[in-house]
N, C-alpha and C. Protein backbone atom coordinates (compact mmCIF):
# COMPACT_ATOMS: atom_id res chain seq x y z
N MET A 1 -75.93 179.17 -15.84
CA MET A 1 -76.74 177.81 -15.60
C MET A 1 -75.90 176.65 -16.24
N ALA A 2 -75.69 175.59 -15.21
CA ALA A 2 -74.99 174.49 -15.67
C ALA A 2 -76.01 173.46 -16.26
N ILE A 3 -75.51 172.60 -16.89
CA ILE A 3 -76.38 171.50 -17.60
C ILE A 3 -76.19 170.25 -16.38
N ALA A 4 -77.07 170.01 -15.79
CA ALA A 4 -76.99 168.76 -14.55
C ALA A 4 -77.54 167.63 -15.20
N ARG A 5 -78.59 167.66 -15.97
CA ARG A 5 -79.45 166.57 -16.19
C ARG A 5 -78.52 165.83 -17.26
N GLU A 6 -78.63 164.36 -17.21
CA GLU A 6 -77.77 163.55 -18.11
C GLU A 6 -79.13 162.96 -19.22
N HIS A 7 -78.96 163.16 -20.15
CA HIS A 7 -79.97 162.60 -21.29
C HIS A 7 -80.02 161.18 -21.18
N GLU A 8 -81.10 160.43 -21.69
CA GLU A 8 -81.16 159.19 -21.70
C GLU A 8 -80.23 158.54 -22.82
N LEU A 9 -79.92 159.24 -23.80
CA LEU A 9 -79.05 158.89 -24.87
C LEU A 9 -77.49 158.71 -24.33
N HIS A 10 -77.23 159.71 -23.37
CA HIS A 10 -75.92 159.48 -22.67
C HIS A 10 -75.65 158.29 -21.94
N LYS A 11 -76.86 157.84 -21.16
CA LYS A 11 -76.75 156.69 -20.39
C LYS A 11 -76.80 155.58 -21.54
N ARG A 12 -77.39 155.36 -22.66
CA ARG A 12 -77.35 154.18 -23.51
C ARG A 12 -75.98 154.10 -24.17
N ARG A 13 -75.36 155.32 -24.60
CA ARG A 13 -74.06 155.22 -25.14
C ARG A 13 -72.80 154.92 -24.31
N SER A 14 -73.04 155.35 -22.99
CA SER A 14 -72.10 154.92 -21.89
C SER A 14 -72.26 153.44 -21.70
N GLY A 15 -73.11 152.93 -21.62
CA GLY A 15 -73.53 151.38 -21.55
C GLY A 15 -72.75 150.54 -22.71
N ARG A 16 -73.10 151.22 -23.97
CA ARG A 16 -72.63 150.52 -25.23
C ARG A 16 -71.06 150.47 -25.23
N ASN A 17 -70.64 151.73 -24.78
CA ASN A 17 -68.96 151.84 -24.73
C ASN A 17 -68.42 150.92 -23.55
N ILE A 18 -69.00 150.89 -22.45
CA ILE A 18 -68.62 149.80 -21.70
C ILE A 18 -68.61 148.57 -21.96
N GLY A 19 -69.71 148.00 -22.74
CA GLY A 19 -69.75 146.70 -23.33
C GLY A 19 -68.56 146.49 -24.36
N LEU A 20 -68.26 147.61 -25.17
CA LEU A 20 -67.09 147.71 -26.21
C LEU A 20 -65.90 147.45 -25.51
N ALA A 21 -65.61 148.07 -24.41
CA ALA A 21 -64.42 148.05 -23.78
C ALA A 21 -64.04 146.58 -23.20
N VAL A 22 -65.36 146.09 -22.69
CA VAL A 22 -65.05 144.75 -21.87
C VAL A 22 -64.65 143.55 -23.09
N VAL A 23 -65.38 143.72 -24.18
CA VAL A 23 -65.07 142.90 -25.43
C VAL A 23 -63.61 142.95 -25.72
N LEU A 24 -63.08 144.24 -25.88
CA LEU A 24 -61.88 144.54 -26.39
C LEU A 24 -61.01 143.97 -25.42
N VAL A 25 -61.09 144.21 -24.08
CA VAL A 25 -60.18 143.87 -22.93
C VAL A 25 -60.21 142.23 -23.09
N GLY A 26 -61.20 141.64 -23.28
CA GLY A 26 -61.31 140.08 -23.46
C GLY A 26 -60.48 139.63 -24.82
N PHE A 27 -60.68 140.42 -25.77
CA PHE A 27 -59.74 140.00 -27.01
C PHE A 27 -58.47 140.14 -26.75
N ILE A 28 -58.08 141.11 -26.16
CA ILE A 28 -56.47 141.32 -25.90
C ILE A 28 -56.13 140.27 -25.17
N ALA A 29 -56.67 139.93 -23.89
CA ALA A 29 -56.43 138.91 -23.04
C ALA A 29 -56.34 137.60 -23.66
N LEU A 30 -57.21 137.18 -24.62
CA LEU A 30 -57.35 136.00 -25.38
C LEU A 30 -55.92 136.08 -26.24
N VAL A 31 -55.51 136.75 -27.00
CA VAL A 31 -54.33 137.20 -27.78
C VAL A 31 -53.06 136.83 -26.64
N PHE A 32 -53.14 137.69 -25.80
CA PHE A 32 -51.76 137.55 -24.83
C PHE A 32 -51.73 136.17 -24.33
N GLY A 33 -53.00 135.50 -23.85
CA GLY A 33 -52.76 134.19 -23.37
C GLY A 33 -52.24 133.30 -24.17
N LEU A 34 -52.77 133.61 -25.51
CA LEU A 34 -52.32 132.52 -26.52
C LEU A 34 -50.73 132.68 -26.87
N THR A 35 -50.41 133.97 -26.53
CA THR A 35 -49.22 134.31 -26.94
C THR A 35 -48.05 133.45 -25.77
N ILE A 36 -48.43 133.69 -24.68
CA ILE A 36 -47.68 133.26 -23.47
C ILE A 36 -47.83 131.65 -23.66
N ALA A 37 -48.89 131.12 -23.69
CA ALA A 37 -48.98 129.78 -24.13
C ALA A 37 -47.82 128.96 -25.30
N LYS A 38 -47.87 129.81 -26.22
CA LYS A 38 -47.01 129.46 -27.47
C LYS A 38 -45.57 129.79 -27.08
N VAL A 39 -45.25 130.60 -26.20
CA VAL A 39 -43.92 130.94 -25.91
C VAL A 39 -43.62 129.78 -24.87
N GLN A 40 -44.42 129.54 -23.93
CA GLN A 40 -43.88 128.65 -22.82
C GLN A 40 -43.65 127.15 -23.34
N SER A 41 -44.60 126.77 -24.31
CA SER A 41 -44.63 125.42 -24.86
C SER A 41 -43.26 124.99 -25.45
N GLY A 42 -42.58 126.02 -25.76
CA GLY A 42 -41.22 125.78 -26.60
C GLY A 42 -41.26 125.34 -27.64
N ALA A 43 -42.34 125.65 -28.43
CA ALA A 43 -42.46 125.62 -30.19
C ALA A 43 -41.31 126.19 -30.78
N THR A 44 -41.06 125.53 -31.93
CA THR A 44 -40.05 126.30 -32.58
C THR A 44 -40.57 127.63 -33.18
N LEU A 45 -39.65 128.73 -32.65
CA LEU A 45 -40.21 130.19 -33.06
C LEU A 45 -39.45 130.49 -34.13
N GLN A 46 -39.86 130.36 -35.39
CA GLN A 46 -39.05 130.66 -36.67
C GLN A 46 -39.79 131.83 -37.35
N ALA A 47 -39.00 132.72 -37.53
CA ALA A 47 -39.75 133.94 -38.51
C ALA A 47 -39.59 133.78 -40.01
N TYR A 48 -40.34 134.18 -40.68
CA TYR A 48 -40.47 134.24 -42.11
C TYR A 48 -39.35 135.23 -42.72
N ASP A 49 -38.04 135.04 -42.74
CA ASP A 49 -37.19 136.25 -43.07
C ASP A 49 -36.75 135.81 -44.56
N HIS A 50 -37.46 135.27 -45.58
CA HIS A 50 -37.10 135.15 -46.71
C HIS A 50 -35.79 134.08 -46.92
N SER A 51 -35.53 133.55 -46.17
CA SER A 51 -34.38 132.74 -46.31
C SER A 51 -34.65 131.22 -46.48
N TYR A 52 -33.72 130.57 -47.03
CA TYR A 52 -33.87 129.26 -47.30
C TYR A 52 -33.71 128.23 -45.87
N ARG A 53 -34.78 127.52 -45.41
CA ARG A 53 -34.78 126.61 -44.24
C ARG A 53 -35.07 125.40 -44.45
N PRO A 54 -34.02 124.45 -44.59
CA PRO A 54 -34.39 122.93 -44.99
C PRO A 54 -35.64 122.28 -44.14
N ALA A 55 -35.65 122.93 -42.85
CA ALA A 55 -37.09 122.26 -41.98
C ALA A 55 -38.17 122.67 -42.70
N LEU A 56 -38.32 123.52 -43.56
CA LEU A 56 -39.60 123.71 -44.23
C LEU A 56 -39.75 123.17 -45.65
N ASP A 57 -38.51 122.54 -46.21
CA ASP A 57 -38.60 121.95 -47.28
C ASP A 57 -39.19 120.74 -47.53
N PRO A 58 -40.21 120.29 -48.14
CA PRO A 58 -40.29 118.80 -48.51
C PRO A 58 -39.80 117.98 -49.37
N ASP A 59 -39.05 118.77 -50.15
CA ASP A 59 -38.20 118.11 -50.90
C ASP A 59 -36.89 117.70 -50.52
N HIS A 60 -36.36 118.39 -49.21
CA HIS A 60 -35.14 118.19 -48.74
C HIS A 60 -34.93 116.63 -48.50
N PRO A 61 -33.58 116.10 -48.49
CA PRO A 61 -33.38 114.77 -48.26
C PRO A 61 -33.89 114.09 -46.92
N ARG A 62 -33.84 115.14 -45.97
CA ARG A 62 -34.39 114.64 -44.51
C ARG A 62 -35.88 114.00 -44.74
N PHE A 63 -36.45 114.63 -45.42
CA PHE A 63 -37.96 114.45 -45.56
C PHE A 63 -38.39 113.23 -46.35
N GLN A 64 -37.22 112.65 -47.26
CA GLN A 64 -37.40 111.65 -48.21
C GLN A 64 -37.49 110.31 -47.52
N GLN A 65 -38.18 109.54 -48.02
CA GLN A 65 -38.43 108.19 -47.39
C GLN A 65 -37.49 107.38 -48.09
N ARG A 66 -36.65 106.48 -47.20
CA ARG A 66 -35.71 105.47 -47.96
C ARG A 66 -36.27 104.07 -48.24
């Protein structure tokens, strides 16, 4: 004898799972879109590699007012 009927709990759980999947896909699409926009805008892509970068040092002579 196979279990053919689906309980109401399974229907509710399925609806919640689909809702969560939609939210996760939306979040992933948002992060992907922001990443593509940043890369295409040509912004300086500098990594924090623990080395001295004068461009970020406010005491560097380039930033001093004359």
